[in-house]
């Protein structure tokens, strides 16, 4: 599998307002390696480097709609999954992955915040 500058990595993760983790960090890392990113936001957080003050999970249907739209619009060569947040999001994301068995997946789940 070749990943070039026209290829995309779909990042499925939460948005960390502190910029210390989540989609922001994933997109920065992927850009440093060369490919582009497309995203599906699973949650939005209000947090600092010391505490998580609020987490708002996206509805599972919205997570799936974002994933399907990103896959349809881009040449996705890999999928990186971080925080899914809810059982519903896990089940829906798994269904999308089953529809794309040819795309490699990196699963990097969030078990707890480091804040």
C-alpha atoms as a PDB file:
ATOM      1  CA  UNK A   1       0.000   0.000   0.000  1.00  0.00           C
ATOM      2  CA  UNK A   2       1.494   3.273  -1.102  1.00  0.00           C
ATOM      3  CA  UNK A   3       0.547   6.451   0.713  1.00  0.00           C
ATOM      4  CA  UNK A   4       1.370   9.650  -1.133  1.00  0.00           C
ATOM      5  CA  UNK A   5       0.404  13.301  -0.904  1.00  0.00           C
ATOM      6  CA  UNK A   6      -2.906  12.700  -2.695  1.00  0.00           C
ATOM      7  CA  UNK A   7      -3.831   9.829  -0.393  1.00  0.00           C
ATOM      8  CA  UNK A   8      -5.888  10.424   2.718  1.00  0.00           C
ATOM      9  CA  UNK A   9      -5.991   8.948   6.186  1.00  0.00           C
ATOM     10  CA  UNK A  10      -9.449   9.049   7.741  1.00  0.00           C
ATOM     11  CA  UNK A  11      -9.146  10.060  11.390  1.00  0.00           C
ATOM     12  CA  UNK A  12     -12.104   9.093  13.578  1.00  0.00           C
ATOM     13  CA  UNK A  13     -11.640  10.710  16.984  1.00  0.00           C
ATOM     14  CA  UNK A  14     -12.618  13.387  19.456  1.00  0.00           C
ATOM     15  CA  UNK A  15     -11.712  17.058  19.334  1.00  0.00           C
ATOM     16  CA  UNK A  16      -9.571  18.079  22.320  1.00  0.00           C
ATOM     17  CA  UNK A  17      -9.863  21.821  22.975  1.00  0.00           C
ATOM     18  CA  UNK A  18      -6.399  21.932  24.563  1.00  0.00           C
ATOM     19  CA  UNK A  19      -4.797  20.643  21.366  1.00  0.00           C
ATOM     20  CA  UNK A  20      -2.906  18.026  23.343  1.00  0.00           C
ATOM     21  CA  UNK A  21      -4.564  14.962  21.855  1.00  0.00           C
ATOM     22  CA  UNK A  22      -7.312  13.762  19.558  1.00  0.00           C
ATOM     23  CA  UNK A  23      -7.965  14.854  16.010  1.00  0.00           C
ATOM     24  CA  UNK A  24      -5.662  17.880  16.187  1.00  0.00           C
ATOM     25  CA  UNK A  25      -2.624  15.765  17.080  1.00  0.00           C
ATOM     26  CA  UNK A  26      -3.517  12.998  14.642  1.00  0.00           C
ATOM     27  CA  UNK A  27      -3.877  15.410  11.709  1.00  0.00           C
ATOM     28  CA  UNK A  28      -0.563  17.110  12.591  1.00  0.00           C
ATOM     29  CA  UNK A  29       1.238  13.760  12.748  1.00  0.00           C
ATOM     30  CA  UNK A  30      -0.237  12.531   9.472  1.00  0.00           C
ATOM     31  CA  UNK A  31       0.640  15.804   7.722  1.00  0.00           C
ATOM     32  CA  UNK A  32       4.237  15.491   8.915  1.00  0.00           C
ATOM     33  CA  UNK A  33       4.385  12.067   7.259  1.00  0.00           C
ATOM     34  CA  UNK A  34       3.021  13.330   3.942  1.00  0.00           C
ATOM     35  CA  UNK A  35      -0.582  12.286   3.308  1.00  0.00           C
ATOM     36  CA  UNK A  36      -3.671  14.382   3.852  1.00  0.00           C
ATOM     37  CA  UNK A  37      -6.334  13.807   6.478  1.00  0.00           C
ATOM     38  CA  UNK A  38     -10.094  13.728   6.452  1.00  0.00           C
ATOM     39  CA  UNK A  39     -11.982  13.472   9.720  1.00  0.00           C
ATOM     40  CA  UNK A  40     -15.044  12.183  11.517  1.00  0.00           C
ATOM     41  CA  UNK A  41     -15.531  13.917  14.862  1.00  0.00           C
ATOM     42  CA  UNK A  42     -16.866  11.590  17.568  1.00  0.00           C
ATOM     43  CA  UNK A  43     -16.915  14.033  20.477  1.00  0.00           C
ATOM     44  CA  UNK A  44     -16.041  17.585  21.391  1.00  0.00           C
ATOM     45  CA  UNK A  45     -14.341  18.258  24.701  1.00  0.00           C
ATOM     46  CA  UNK A  46     -13.711  21.287  26.851  1.00  0.00           C
ATOM     47  CA  UNK A  47     -10.443  20.521  28.567  1.00  0.00           C
ATOM     48  CA  UNK A  48      -7.125  21.864  29.660  1.00  0.00           C
ATOM     49  CA  UNK A  49      -3.877  20.009  30.163  1.00  0.00           C
ATOM     50  CA  UNK A  50      -5.048  19.379  33.745  1.00  0.00           C
ATOM     51  CA  UNK A  51      -8.733  18.532  33.561  1.00  0.00           C
ATOM     52  CA  UNK A  52     -11.594  17.469  31.334  1.00  0.00           C
ATOM     53  CA  UNK A  53     -14.528  19.769  32.045  1.00  0.00           C
ATOM     54  CA  UNK A  54     -17.062  18.664  29.447  1.00  0.00           C
ATOM     55  CA  UNK A  55     -17.517  15.955  26.827  1.00  0.00           C
ATOM     56  CA  UNK A  56     -20.258  16.138  24.224  1.00  0.00           C
ATOM     57  CA  UNK A  57     -20.544  12.919  22.198  1.00  0.00           C
ATOM     58  CA  UNK A  58     -21.758  13.138  18.627  1.00  0.00           C
ATOM     59  CA  UNK A  59     -24.789  10.987  17.768  1.00  0.00           C
ATOM     60  CA  UNK A  60     -23.614   7.639  16.317  1.00  0.00           C
ATOM     61  CA  UNK A  61     -25.520   8.303  13.096  1.00  0.00           C
ATOM     62  CA  UNK A  62     -23.587  11.532  12.601  1.00  0.00           C
ATOM     63  CA  UNK A  63     -20.260   9.758  13.185  1.00  0.00           C
ATOM     64  CA  UNK A  64     -21.162   7.194  10.516  1.00  0.00           C
ATOM     65  CA  UNK A  65     -22.389   9.867   8.100  1.00  0.00           C
ATOM     66  CA  UNK A  66     -19.059  11.696   8.464  1.00  0.00           C
ATOM     67  CA  UNK A  67     -17.100   8.473   7.907  1.00  0.00           C
ATOM     68  CA  UNK A  68     -19.097   7.519   4.816  1.00  0.00           C
ATOM     69  CA  UNK A  69     -18.841  11.041   3.364  1.00  0.00           C
ATOM     70  CA  UNK A  70     -15.066  11.143   3.910  1.00  0.00           C
ATOM     71  CA  UNK A  71     -14.633   7.699   2.334  1.00  0.00           C
ATOM     72  CA  UNK A  72     -16.760   8.688  -0.668  1.00  0.00           C
ATOM     73  CA  UNK A  73     -14.986  12.010  -1.232  1.00  0.00           C
ATOM     74  CA  UNK A  74     -11.357  10.955  -0.789  1.00  0.00           C
ATOM     75  CA  UNK A  75      -8.792   8.322  -1.729  1.00  0.00           C
ATOM     76  CA  UNK A  76      -8.606   6.880   1.797  1.00  0.00           C
ATOM     77  CA  UNK A  77      -5.643   4.525   2.204  1.00  0.00           C
ATOM     78  CA  UNK A  78      -5.863   4.046   5.986  1.00  0.00           C
ATOM     79  CA  UNK A  79      -8.195   4.704   8.900  1.00  0.00           C
ATOM     80  CA  UNK A  80      -6.992   5.804  12.347  1.00  0.00           C
ATOM     81  CA  UNK A  81      -9.513   5.421  15.155  1.00  0.00           C
ATOM     82  CA  UNK A  82      -9.115   7.127  18.507  1.00  0.00           C
ATOM     83  CA  UNK A  83     -11.923   7.973  20.915  1.00  0.00           C
ATOM     84  CA  UNK A  84     -15.283   6.577  19.863  1.00  0.00           C
ATOM     85  CA  UNK A  85     -16.896   7.361  23.192  1.00  0.00           C
ATOM     86  CA  UNK A  86     -20.119   5.350  23.147  1.00  0.00           C
ATOM     87  CA  UNK A  87     -21.213   1.797  22.416  1.00  0.00           C
ATOM     88  CA  UNK A  88     -23.423   3.142  19.643  1.00  0.00           C
ATOM     89  CA  UNK A  89     -20.492   4.860  17.951  1.00  0.00           C
ATOM     90  CA  UNK A  90     -18.401   1.684  18.267  1.00  0.00           C
ATOM     91  CA  UNK A  91     -21.119  -0.456  16.677  1.00  0.00           C
ATOM     92  CA  UNK A  92     -21.771   2.012  13.847  1.00  0.00           C
ATOM     93  CA  UNK A  93     -18.068   2.552  13.111  1.00  0.00           C
ATOM     94  CA  UNK A  94     -17.531  -1.222  13.037  1.00  0.00           C
ATOM     95  CA  UNK A  95     -20.255  -1.513  10.396  1.00  0.00           C
ATOM     96  CA  UNK A  96     -18.470   1.038   8.208  1.00  0.00           C
ATOM     97  CA  UNK A  97     -15.162  -0.801   8.647  1.00  0.00           C
ATOM     98  CA  UNK A  98     -16.801  -4.081   7.595  1.00  0.00           C
ATOM     99  CA  UNK A  99     -17.850  -2.358   4.360  1.00  0.00           C
ATOM    100  CA  UNK A 100     -14.182  -1.476   3.651  1.00  0.00           C
ATOM    101  CA  UNK A 101     -12.136  -4.579   4.553  1.00  0.00           C
ATOM    102  CA  UNK A 102      -9.377  -3.541   2.138  1.00  0.00           C
ATOM    103  CA  UNK A 103      -8.482  -0.375   4.099  1.00  0.00           C
ATOM    104  CA  UNK A 104      -5.991  -0.890   6.959  1.00  0.00           C
ATOM    105  CA  UNK A 105      -7.125   0.336  10.375  1.00  0.00           C
ATOM    106  CA  UNK A 106      -5.098   1.586  13.325  1.00  0.00           C
ATOM    107  CA  UNK A 107      -7.081   1.351  16.550  1.00  0.00           C
ATOM    108  CA  UNK A 108      -5.788   3.671  19.272  1.00  0.00           C
ATOM    109  CA  UNK A 109      -8.637   3.775  21.803  1.00  0.00           C
ATOM    110  CA  UNK A 110      -8.853   6.305  24.587  1.00  0.00           C
ATOM    111  CA  UNK A 111      -9.247   4.548  27.920  1.00  0.00           C
ATOM    112  CA  UNK A 112      -8.714   7.635  30.072  1.00  0.00           C
ATOM    113  CA  UNK A 113      -7.641  11.226  29.628  1.00  0.00           C
ATOM    114  CA  UNK A 114      -4.141  12.138  30.704  1.00  0.00           C
ATOM    115  CA  UNK A 115      -5.550  15.459  32.000  1.00  0.00           C
END
